[in-house]
Amino acid sequence: MPTLDDLKVGHCALIKHIQDPDVATQALRMGISVGETITCLARVPSGPTVIQRGGMELAIGQALSQQIEVELQ
């Protein structure tokens, strides 16, 4: 399954699964949870992925984004 790190700019995705409980806790602290729809706004090579959820923009580090499984919309 693709991860948040695989998204291309402009793509929308549904957060499907976060395997590691520690990663899920980190994501939840940023307002990201399973079932949320997000949009990829920007990507920094070997760096964070900038997403939008609702009216909020977040930069998610590569290590975290590689562990968040998504389904393209």
C-alpha atoms as a PDB file:
ATOM      1  CA  MET A   1       0.000   0.000   0.000  1.00  0.00           C
ATOM      2  CA  PRO A   2       1.335   3.485  -0.785  1.00  0.00           C
ATOM      3  CA  THR A   3       2.416   5.753   2.019  1.00  0.00           C
ATOM      4  CA  LEU A   4       2.141   9.480   2.617  1.00  0.00           C
ATOM      5  CA  ASP A   5       5.743   9.722   1.393  1.00  0.00           C
ATOM      6  CA  ASP A   6       4.655   8.371  -2.029  1.00  0.00           C
ATOM      7  CA  LEU A   7       2.080  11.107  -2.718  1.00  0.00           C
ATOM      8  CA  LYS A   8       2.585  13.529  -5.562  1.00  0.00           C
ATOM      9  CA  VAL A   9       1.769  17.237  -5.249  1.00  0.00           C
ATOM     10  CA  GLY A  10      -1.938  17.836  -5.771  1.00  0.00           C
ATOM     11  CA  HIS A  11      -3.035  14.285  -4.976  1.00  0.00           C
ATOM     12  CA  CYS A  12      -5.705  13.600  -2.369  1.00  0.00           C
ATOM     13  CA  ALA A  13      -5.589  10.523  -0.176  1.00  0.00           C
ATOM     14  CA  LEU A  14      -7.391   8.819   2.670  1.00  0.00           C
ATOM     15  CA  ILE A  15      -5.316   7.804   5.699  1.00  0.00           C
ATOM     16  CA  LYS A  16      -5.857   4.018   5.821  1.00  0.00           C
ATOM     17  CA  HIS A  17      -3.472   2.560   8.384  1.00  0.00           C
ATOM     18  CA  ILE A  18      -0.717   3.470  10.822  1.00  0.00           C
ATOM     19  CA  GLN A  19       1.023   0.293  12.006  1.00  0.00           C
ATOM     20  CA  ASP A  20       3.264   1.567  14.808  1.00  0.00           C
ATOM     21  CA  PRO A  21       1.352   2.799  17.899  1.00  0.00           C
ATOM     22  CA  ASP A  22       4.044   5.434  18.594  1.00  0.00           C
ATOM     23  CA  VAL A  23       3.719   6.788  15.056  1.00  0.00           C
ATOM     24  CA  ALA A  24      -0.082   6.787  15.413  1.00  0.00           C
ATOM     25  CA  THR A  25       0.269   8.829  18.623  1.00  0.00           C
ATOM     26  CA  GLN A  26       2.602  11.328  16.921  1.00  0.00           C
ATOM     27  CA  ALA A  27       0.212  11.649  13.986  1.00  0.00           C
ATOM     28  CA  LEU A  28      -2.776  12.112  16.294  1.00  0.00           C
ATOM     29  CA  ARG A  29      -0.977  14.943  18.085  1.00  0.00           C
ATOM     30  CA  MET A  30      -0.767  16.693  14.701  1.00  0.00           C
ATOM     31  CA  GLY A  31      -4.444  16.055  13.998  1.00  0.00           C
ATOM     32  CA  ILE A  32      -3.894  13.170  11.584  1.00  0.00           C
ATOM     33  CA  SER A  33      -5.812   9.948  12.137  1.00  0.00           C
ATOM     34  CA  VAL A  34      -7.102   6.969  10.180  1.00  0.00           C
ATOM     35  CA  GLY A  35     -10.090   7.995   8.071  1.00  0.00           C
ATOM     36  CA  GLU A  36      -8.906  11.580   7.452  1.00  0.00           C
ATOM     37  CA  THR A  37      -8.691  12.879   3.887  1.00  0.00           C
ATOM     38  CA  ILE A  38      -5.576  14.918   3.116  1.00  0.00           C
ATOM     39  CA  THR A  39      -4.098  16.734   0.109  1.00  0.00           C
ATOM     40  CA  CYS A  40      -0.385  16.844  -0.729  1.00  0.00           C
ATOM     41  CA  LEU A  41       0.633  20.492  -1.173  1.00  0.00           C
ATOM     42  CA  ALA A  42       4.419  20.206  -1.504  1.00  0.00           C
ATOM     43  CA  ARG A  43       7.317  17.765  -1.289  1.00  0.00           C
ATOM     44  CA  VAL A  44      10.877  18.473  -0.280  1.00  0.00           C
ATOM     45  CA  PRO A  45      13.357  15.930  -1.715  1.00  0.00           C
ATOM     46  CA  SER A  46      14.600  13.707   1.128  1.00  0.00           C
ATOM     47  CA  GLY A  47      12.572  15.882   3.471  1.00  0.00           C
ATOM     48  CA  PRO A  48       9.052  16.598   4.632  1.00  0.00           C
ATOM     49  CA  THR A  49       5.784  16.260   2.795  1.00  0.00           C
ATOM     50  CA  VAL A  50       3.484  19.249   3.238  1.00  0.00           C
ATOM     51  CA  ILE A  51      -0.164  18.257   3.516  1.00  0.00           C
ATOM     52  CA  GLN A  52      -3.449  20.030   4.027  1.00  0.00           C
ATOM     53  CA  ARG A  53      -6.163  18.649   6.280  1.00  0.00           C
ATOM     54  CA  GLY A  54      -9.207  20.864   6.506  1.00  0.00           C
ATOM     55  CA  GLY A  55      -7.849  24.411   6.681  1.00  0.00           C
ATOM     56  CA  MET A  56      -4.575  23.392   8.320  1.00  0.00           C
ATOM     57  CA  GLU A  57      -1.222  22.859   6.581  1.00  0.00           C
ATOM     58  CA  LEU A  58       1.316  20.477   8.140  1.00  0.00           C
ATOM     59  CA  ALA A  59       4.876  19.465   7.245  1.00  0.00           C
ATOM     60  CA  ILE A  60       5.303  15.747   7.987  1.00  0.00           C
ATOM     61  CA  GLY A  61       8.879  14.486   8.231  1.00  0.00           C
ATOM     62  CA  GLN A  62       9.965  11.745   5.872  1.00  0.00           C
ATOM     63  CA  ALA A  63      10.478   9.108   8.590  1.00  0.00           C
ATOM     64  CA  LEU A  64       6.915   9.625   9.822  1.00  0.00           C
ATOM     65  CA  SER A  65       5.326   9.926   6.373  1.00  0.00           C
ATOM     66  CA  GLN A  66       6.878   6.603   5.290  1.00  0.00           C
ATOM     67  CA  GLN A  67       4.882   4.836   8.018  1.00  0.00           C
ATOM     68  CA  ILE A  68       1.434   6.277   7.241  1.00  0.00           C
ATOM     69  CA  GLU A  69      -0.405   4.150   4.667  1.00  0.00           C
ATOM     70  CA  VAL A  70      -2.831   5.927   2.350  1.00  0.00           C
ATOM     71  CA  GLU A  71      -5.354   5.197  -0.366  1.00  0.00           C
ATOM     72  CA  LEU A  72      -5.381   7.580  -3.323  1.00  0.00           C
ATOM     73  CA  GLN A  73      -8.700   9.349  -3.949  1.00  0.00           C
END
